[in-house]
Amino acid sequence: MALLKRAPDFHFGGALPHHNELAVDEENGTNKLYPNAADYAKRYRLRQAAAVKQIRQAFVERWPVVS
């Protein structure tokens, strides 16, 4: 653990979502951050759309289509 704490990018770890913020572990479909299943589903779709947009942009930047 001490080695990880000395890593140059260790401070970025707090910027990532944590399990309790993303996972749905409860039987009723909620988690600690989102109070109900509908709100979780809405936020999930937003996160998914953002991820797809970012991946598509990175793909185009790295491998542009040649006509």
PDB file of N, CA and C in Angstrom:
ATOM      1  N   MET A   1       0.819  -1.189   0.000  1.00  0.00           N
ATOM      2  CA  MET A   1       0.000   0.000   0.000  1.00  0.00           C
ATOM      3  C   MET A   1       0.866   1.258   0.000  1.00  0.00           C
ATOM      4  N   ALA A   2       1.948   1.248   0.733  1.00  0.00           N
ATOM      5  CA  ALA A   2       2.825   2.416   0.776  1.00  0.00           C
ATOM      6  C   ALA A   2       3.381   2.723  -0.610  1.00  0.00           C
ATOM      7  N   LEU A   3       3.679   1.681  -1.379  1.00  0.00           N
ATOM      8  CA  LEU A   3       4.187   1.881  -2.730  1.00  0.00           C
ATOM      9  C   LEU A   3       3.137   2.558  -3.606  1.00  0.00           C
ATOM     10  N   LEU A   4       1.887   2.138  -3.479  1.00  0.00           N
ATOM     11  CA  LEU A   4       0.812   2.758  -4.243  1.00  0.00           C
ATOM     12  C   LEU A   4       0.650   4.230  -3.878  1.00  0.00           C
ATOM     13  N   LYS A   5       0.756   4.554  -2.611  1.00  0.00           N
ATOM     14  CA  LYS A   5       0.594   5.938  -2.176  1.00  0.00           C
ATOM     15  C   LYS A   5       1.703   6.841  -2.702  1.00  0.00           C
ATOM     16  N   ARG A   6       2.840   6.277  -3.013  1.00  0.00           N
ATOM     17  CA  ARG A   6       3.949   7.065  -3.547  1.00  0.00           C
ATOM     18  C   ARG A   6       3.898   7.200  -5.067  1.00  0.00           C
ATOM     19  N   ALA A   7       3.006   6.503  -5.716  1.00  0.00           N
ATOM     20  CA  ALA A   7       2.906   6.570  -7.174  1.00  0.00           C
ATOM     21  C   ALA A   7       2.522   7.991  -7.599  1.00  0.00           C
ATOM     22  N   PRO A   8       3.087   8.491  -8.701  1.00  0.00           N
ATOM     23  CA  PRO A   8       2.823   9.863  -9.133  1.00  0.00           C
ATOM     24  C   PRO A   8       1.342  10.164  -9.385  1.00  0.00           C
ATOM     25  N   ASP A   9       0.574   9.157  -9.793  1.00  0.00           N
ATOM     26  CA  ASP A   9      -0.838   9.396 -10.099  1.00  0.00           C
ATOM     27  C   ASP A   9      -1.786   8.969  -8.982  1.00  0.00           C
ATOM     28  N   PHE A  10      -1.258   8.727  -7.805  1.00  0.00           N
ATOM     29  CA  PHE A  10      -2.099   8.245  -6.705  1.00  0.00           C
ATOM     30  C   PHE A  10      -3.244   9.212  -6.392  1.00  0.00           C
ATOM     31  N   HIS A  11      -2.969  10.507  -6.446  1.00  0.00           N
ATOM     32  CA  HIS A  11      -3.981  11.497  -6.082  1.00  0.00           C
ATOM     33  C   HIS A  11      -5.191  11.482  -7.017  1.00  0.00           C
ATOM     34  N   PHE A  12      -5.059  10.914  -8.203  1.00  0.00           N
ATOM     35  CA  PHE A  12      -6.205  10.839  -9.114  1.00  0.00           C
ATOM     36  C   PHE A  12      -7.214   9.775  -8.694  1.00  0.00           C
ATOM     37  N   GLY A  13      -6.841   8.859  -7.841  1.00  0.00           N
ATOM     38  CA  GLY A  13      -7.741   7.788  -7.422  1.00  0.00           C
ATOM     39  C   GLY A  13      -9.026   8.294  -6.804  1.00  0.00           C
ATOM     40  N   GLY A  14      -8.967   9.395  -6.097  1.00  0.00           N
ATOM     41  CA  GLY A  14     -10.168   9.967  -5.485  1.00  0.00           C
ATOM     42  C   GLY A  14     -11.124  10.557  -6.495  1.00  0.00           C
ATOM     43  N   ALA A  15     -10.676  10.769  -7.720  1.00  0.00           N
ATOM     44  CA  ALA A  15     -11.526  11.342  -8.752  1.00  0.00           C
ATOM     45  C   ALA A  15     -12.412  10.285  -9.411  1.00  0.00           C
ATOM     46  N   LEU A  16     -12.072   9.037  -9.230  1.00  0.00           N
ATOM     47  CA  LEU A  16     -12.859   7.969  -9.846  1.00  0.00           C
ATOM     48  C   LEU A  16     -14.091   7.647  -9.014  1.00  0.00           C
ATOM     49  N   PRO A  17     -15.166   7.214  -9.664  1.00  0.00           N
ATOM     50  CA  PRO A  17     -16.345   6.806  -8.907  1.00  0.00           C
ATOM     51  C   PRO A  17     -16.023   5.604  -8.020  1.00  0.00           C
ATOM     52  N   HIS A  18     -16.639   5.538  -6.891  1.00  0.00           N
ATOM     53  CA  HIS A  18     -16.444   4.431  -5.976  1.00  0.00           C
ATOM     54  C   HIS A  18     -17.578   3.424  -6.134  1.00  0.00           C
ATOM     55  N   HIS A  19     -17.334   2.220  -5.664  1.00  0.00           N
ATOM     56  CA  HIS A  19     -18.319   1.148  -5.798  1.00  0.00           C
ATOM     57  C   HIS A  19     -19.695   1.572  -5.284  1.00  0.00           C
ATOM     58  N   ASN A  20     -19.743   2.205  -4.127  1.00  0.00           N
ATOM     59  CA  ASN A  20     -21.026   2.583  -3.546  1.00  0.00           C
ATOM     60  C   ASN A  20     -21.751   3.660  -4.347  1.00  0.00           C
ATOM     61  N   GLU A  21     -21.044   4.342  -5.217  1.00  0.00           N
ATOM     62  CA  GLU A  21     -21.679   5.368  -6.035  1.00  0.00           C
ATOM     63  C   GLU A  21     -22.241   4.801  -7.334  1.00  0.00           C
ATOM     64  N   LEU A  22     -21.769   3.629  -7.742  1.00  0.00           N
ATOM     65  CA  LEU A  22     -22.190   3.066  -9.021  1.00  0.00           C
ATOM     66  C   LEU A  22     -22.970   1.767  -8.897  1.00  0.00           C
ATOM     67  N   ALA A  23     -22.605   0.949  -7.964  1.00  0.00           N
ATOM     68  CA  ALA A  23     -23.183  -0.390  -7.889  1.00  0.00           C
ATOM     69  C   ALA A  23     -24.602  -0.378  -7.329  1.00  0.00           C
ATOM     70  N   VAL A  24     -25.383  -1.300  -7.814  1.00  0.00           N
ATOM     71  CA  VAL A  24     -26.720  -1.524  -7.271  1.00  0.00           C
ATOM     72  C   VAL A  24     -26.679  -2.868  -6.567  1.00  0.00           C
ATOM     73  N   ASP A  25     -26.511  -2.813  -5.267  1.00  0.00           N
ATOM     74  CA  ASP A  25     -26.394  -4.039  -4.486  1.00  0.00           C
ATOM     75  C   ASP A  25     -27.674  -4.385  -3.736  1.00  0.00           C
ATOM     76  N   GLU A  26     -28.557  -3.444  -3.656  1.00  0.00           N
ATOM     77  CA  GLU A  26     -29.768  -3.646  -2.863  1.00  0.00           C
ATOM     78  C   GLU A  26     -30.822  -4.396  -3.676  1.00  0.00           C
ATOM     79  N   GLU A  27     -31.663  -5.120  -3.008  1.00  0.00           N
ATOM     80  CA  GLU A  27     -32.711  -5.880  -3.702  1.00  0.00           C
ATOM     81  C   GLU A  27     -33.714  -4.963  -4.392  1.00  0.00           C
ATOM     82  N   ASN A  28     -33.921  -3.764  -3.862  1.00  0.00           N
ATOM     83  CA  ASN A  28     -34.915  -2.865  -4.443  1.00  0.00           C
ATOM     84  C   ASN A  28     -34.354  -2.027  -5.591  1.00  0.00           C
ATOM     85  N   GLY A  29     -33.112  -2.266  -6.001  1.00  0.00           N
ATOM     86  CA  GLY A  29     -32.538  -1.581  -7.142  1.00  0.00           C
ATOM     87  C   GLY A  29     -31.990  -0.207  -6.841  1.00  0.00           C
ATOM     88  N   THR A  30     -31.734   0.109  -5.587  1.00  0.00           N
ATOM     89  CA  THR A  30     -31.164   1.404  -5.248  1.00  0.00           C
ATOM     90  C   THR A  30     -29.753   1.214  -4.717  1.00  0.00           C
ATOM     91  N   ASN A  31     -29.084   2.319  -4.551  1.00  0.00           N
ATOM     92  CA  ASN A  31     -27.792   2.274  -3.906  1.00  0.00           C
ATOM     93  C   ASN A  31     -27.665   3.480  -2.986  1.00  0.00           C
ATOM     94  N   LYS A  32     -26.491   3.721  -2.440  1.00  0.00           N
ATOM     95  CA  LYS A  32     -26.344   4.777  -1.439  1.00  0.00           C
ATOM     96  C   LYS A  32     -26.379   6.173  -2.041  1.00  0.00           C
ATOM     97  N   LEU A  33     -26.043   6.327  -3.306  1.00  0.00           N
ATOM     98  CA  LEU A  33     -26.012   7.643  -3.926  1.00  0.00           C
ATOM     99  C   LEU A  33     -27.351   8.009  -4.558  1.00  0.00           C
ATOM    100  N   TYR A  34     -28.000   7.050  -5.184  1.00  0.00           N
ATOM    101  CA  TYR A  34     -29.264   7.321  -5.873  1.00  0.00           C
ATOM    102  C   TYR A  34     -30.409   6.699  -5.083  1.00  0.00           C
ATOM    103  N   PRO A  35     -31.406   7.494  -4.723  1.00  0.00           N
ATOM    104  CA  PRO A  35     -32.452   7.032  -3.819  1.00  0.00           C
ATOM    105  C   PRO A  35     -33.468   6.057  -4.416  1.00  0.00           C
ATOM    106  N   ASN A  36     -33.548   5.996  -5.748  1.00  0.00           N
ATOM    107  CA  ASN A  36     -34.530   5.084  -6.336  1.00  0.00           C
ATOM    108  C   ASN A  36     -34.012   4.554  -7.667  1.00  0.00           C
ATOM    109  N   ALA A  37     -34.634   3.509  -8.126  1.00  0.00           N
ATOM    110  CA  ALA A  37     -34.177   2.826  -9.335  1.00  0.00           C
ATOM    111  C   ALA A  37     -34.299   3.704 -10.572  1.00  0.00           C
ATOM    112  N   ALA A  38     -35.333   4.531 -10.644  1.00  0.00           N
ATOM    113  CA  ALA A  38     -35.514   5.395 -11.814  1.00  0.00           C
ATOM    114  C   ALA A  38     -34.392   6.425 -11.909  1.00  0.00           C
ATOM    115  N   ASP A  39     -34.026   7.020 -10.792  1.00  0.00           N
ATOM    116  CA  ASP A  39     -32.943   8.002 -10.787  1.00  0.00           C
ATOM    117  C   ASP A  39     -31.618   7.336 -11.148  1.00  0.00           C
ATOM    118  N   TYR A  40     -31.384   6.153 -10.610  1.00  0.00           N
ATOM    119  CA  TYR A  40     -30.161   5.413 -10.948  1.00  0.00           C
ATOM    120  C   TYR A  40     -30.115   5.125 -12.446  1.00  0.00           C
ATOM    121  N   ALA A  41     -31.226   4.656 -13.005  1.00  0.00           N
ATOM    122  CA  ALA A  41     -31.277   4.310 -14.430  1.00  0.00           C
ATOM    123  C   ALA A  41     -31.011   5.538 -15.294  1.00  0.00           C
ATOM    124  N   LYS A  42     -31.575   6.677 -14.925  1.00  0.00           N
ATOM    125  CA  LYS A  42     -31.354   7.913 -15.671  1.00  0.00           C
ATOM    126  C   LYS A  42     -29.873   8.288 -15.649  1.00  0.00           C
ATOM    127  N   ARG A  43     -29.269   8.265 -14.476  1.00  0.00           N
ATOM    128  CA  ARG A  43     -27.859   8.626 -14.346  1.00  0.00           C
ATOM    129  C   ARG A  43     -26.960   7.603 -15.052  1.00  0.00           C
ATOM    130  N   TYR A  44     -27.361   6.347 -15.034  1.00  0.00           N
ATOM    131  CA  TYR A  44     -26.592   5.307 -15.730  1.00  0.00           C
ATOM    132  C   TYR A  44     -26.567   5.597 -17.227  1.00  0.00           C
ATOM    133  N   ARG A  45     -27.723   5.943 -17.788  1.00  0.00           N
ATOM    134  CA  ARG A  45     -27.786   6.246 -19.220  1.00  0.00           C
ATOM    135  C   ARG A  45     -26.910   7.447 -19.564  1.00  0.00           C
ATOM    136  N   LEU A  46     -26.895   8.460 -18.690  1.00  0.00           N
ATOM    137  CA  LEU A  46     -26.042   9.627 -18.922  1.00  0.00           C
ATOM    138  C   LEU A  46     -24.561   9.249 -18.884  1.00  0.00           C
ATOM    139  N   ARG A  47     -24.178   8.413 -17.908  1.00  0.00           N
ATOM    140  CA  ARG A  47     -22.775   7.981 -17.820  1.00  0.00           C
ATOM    141  C   ARG A  47     -22.391   7.140 -19.032  1.00  0.00           C
ATOM    142  N   GLN A  48     -23.303   6.276 -19.457  1.00  0.00           N
ATOM    143  CA  GLN A  48     -23.032   5.423 -20.608  1.00  0.00           C
ATOM    144  C   GLN A  48     -22.875   6.264 -21.874  1.00  0.00           C
ATOM    145  N   ALA A  49     -23.748   7.231 -22.084  1.00  0.00           N
ATOM    146  CA  ALA A  49     -23.661   8.086 -23.265  1.00  0.00           C
ATOM    147  C   ALA A  49     -22.358   8.886 -23.269  1.00  0.00           C
ATOM    148  N   ALA A  50     -21.958   9.379 -22.112  1.00  0.00           N
ATOM    149  CA  ALA A  50     -20.705  10.130 -22.015  1.00  0.00           C
ATOM    150  C   ALA A  50     -19.512   9.235 -22.341  1.00  0.00           C
ATOM    151  N   ALA A  51     -19.540   8.007 -21.859  1.00  0.00           N
ATOM    152  CA  ALA A  51     -18.438   7.073 -22.123  1.00  0.00           C
ATOM    153  C   ALA A  51     -18.364   6.727 -23.606  1.00  0.00           C
ATOM    154  N   VAL A  52     -19.500   6.470 -24.220  1.00  0.00           N
ATOM    155  CA  VAL A  52     -19.531   6.134 -25.655  1.00  0.00           C
ATOM    156  C   VAL A  52     -19.010   7.310 -26.472  1.00  0.00           C
ATOM    157  N   LYS A  53     -19.434   8.524 -26.130  1.00  0.00           N
ATOM    158  CA  LYS A  53     -18.975   9.716 -26.845  1.00  0.00           C
ATOM    159  C   LYS A  53     -17.461   9.868 -26.724  1.00  0.00           C
ATOM    160  N   GLN A  54     -16.929   9.673 -25.540  1.00  0.00           N
ATOM    161  CA  GLN A  54     -15.496   9.809 -25.317  1.00  0.00           C
ATOM    162  C   GLN A  54     -14.711   8.749 -26.090  1.00  0.00           C
ATOM    163  N   ILE A  55     -15.189   7.525 -26.089  1.00  0.00           N
ATOM    164  CA  ILE A  55     -14.499   6.446 -26.803  1.00  0.00           C
ATOM    165  C   ILE A  55     -14.539   6.683 -28.307  1.00  0.00           C
ATOM    166  N   ARG A  56     -15.682   7.112 -28.823  1.00  0.00           N
ATOM    167  CA  ARG A  56     -15.784   7.397 -30.258  1.00  0.00           C
ATOM    168  C   ARG A  56     -14.835   8.522 -30.662  1.00  0.00           C
ATOM    169  N   GLN A  57     -14.782   9.568 -29.852  1.00  0.00           N
ATOM    170  CA  GLN A  57     -13.898  10.692 -30.139  1.00  0.00           C
ATOM    171  C   GLN A  57     -12.442  10.244 -30.136  1.00  0.00           C
ATOM    172  N   ALA A  58     -12.049   9.464 -29.154  1.00  0.00           N
ATOM    173  CA  ALA A  58     -10.668   8.978 -29.086  1.00  0.00           C
ATOM    174  C   ALA A  58     -10.348   8.079 -30.281  1.00  0.00           C
ATOM    175  N   PHE A  59     -11.293   7.264 -30.689  1.00  0.00           N
ATOM    176  CA  PHE A  59     -11.084   6.373 -31.831  1.00  0.00           C
ATOM    177  C   PHE A  59     -10.848   7.183 -33.097  1.00  0.00           C
ATOM    178  N   VAL A  60     -11.685   8.181 -33.343  1.00  0.00           N
ATOM    179  CA  VAL A  60     -11.557   9.005 -34.547  1.00  0.00           C
ATOM    180  C   VAL A  60     -10.242   9.786 -34.531  1.00  0.00           C
ATOM    181  N   GLU A  61      -9.853  10.285 -33.377  1.00  0.00           N
ATOM    182  CA  GLU A  61      -8.599  11.028 -33.279  1.00  0.00           C
ATOM    183  C   GLU A  61      -7.389  10.149 -33.555  1.00  0.00           C
ATOM    184  N   ARG A  62      -7.449   8.907 -33.149  1.00  0.00           N
ATOM    185  CA  ARG A  62      -6.307   8.021 -33.304  1.00  0.00           C
ATOM    186  C   ARG A  62      -6.281   7.284 -34.642  1.00  0.00           C
ATOM    187  N   TRP A  63      -7.449   6.980 -35.173  1.00  0.00           N
ATOM    188  CA  TRP A  63      -7.548   6.245 -36.433  1.00  0.00           C
ATOM    189  C   TRP A  63      -8.549   6.925 -37.355  1.00  0.00           C
ATOM    190  N   PRO A  64      -8.166   8.062 -37.922  1.00  0.00           N
ATOM    191  CA  PRO A  64      -9.114   8.782 -38.810  1.00  0.00           C
ATOM    192  C   PRO A  64      -9.436   7.950 -40.054  1.00  0.00           C
ATOM    193  N   VAL A  65     -10.636   8.126 -40.519  1.00  0.00           N
ATOM    194  CA  VAL A  65     -11.070   7.411 -41.718  1.00  0.00           C
ATOM    195  C   VAL A  65     -10.431   8.074 -42.918  1.00  0.00           C
ATOM    196  N   VAL A  66      -9.767   7.273 -43.738  1.00  0.00           N
ATOM    197  CA  VAL A  66      -9.109   7.787 -44.942  1.00  0.00           C
ATOM    198  C   VAL A  66      -9.999   7.466 -46.133  1.00  0.00           C
ATOM    199  N   SER A  67     -10.335   8.496 -46.890  1.00  0.00           N
ATOM    200  CA  SER A  67     -11.202   8.297 -48.064  1.00  0.00           C
ATOM    201  C   SER A  67     -10.386   8.025 -49.301  1.00  0.00           C
TER     202      SER A  67
END
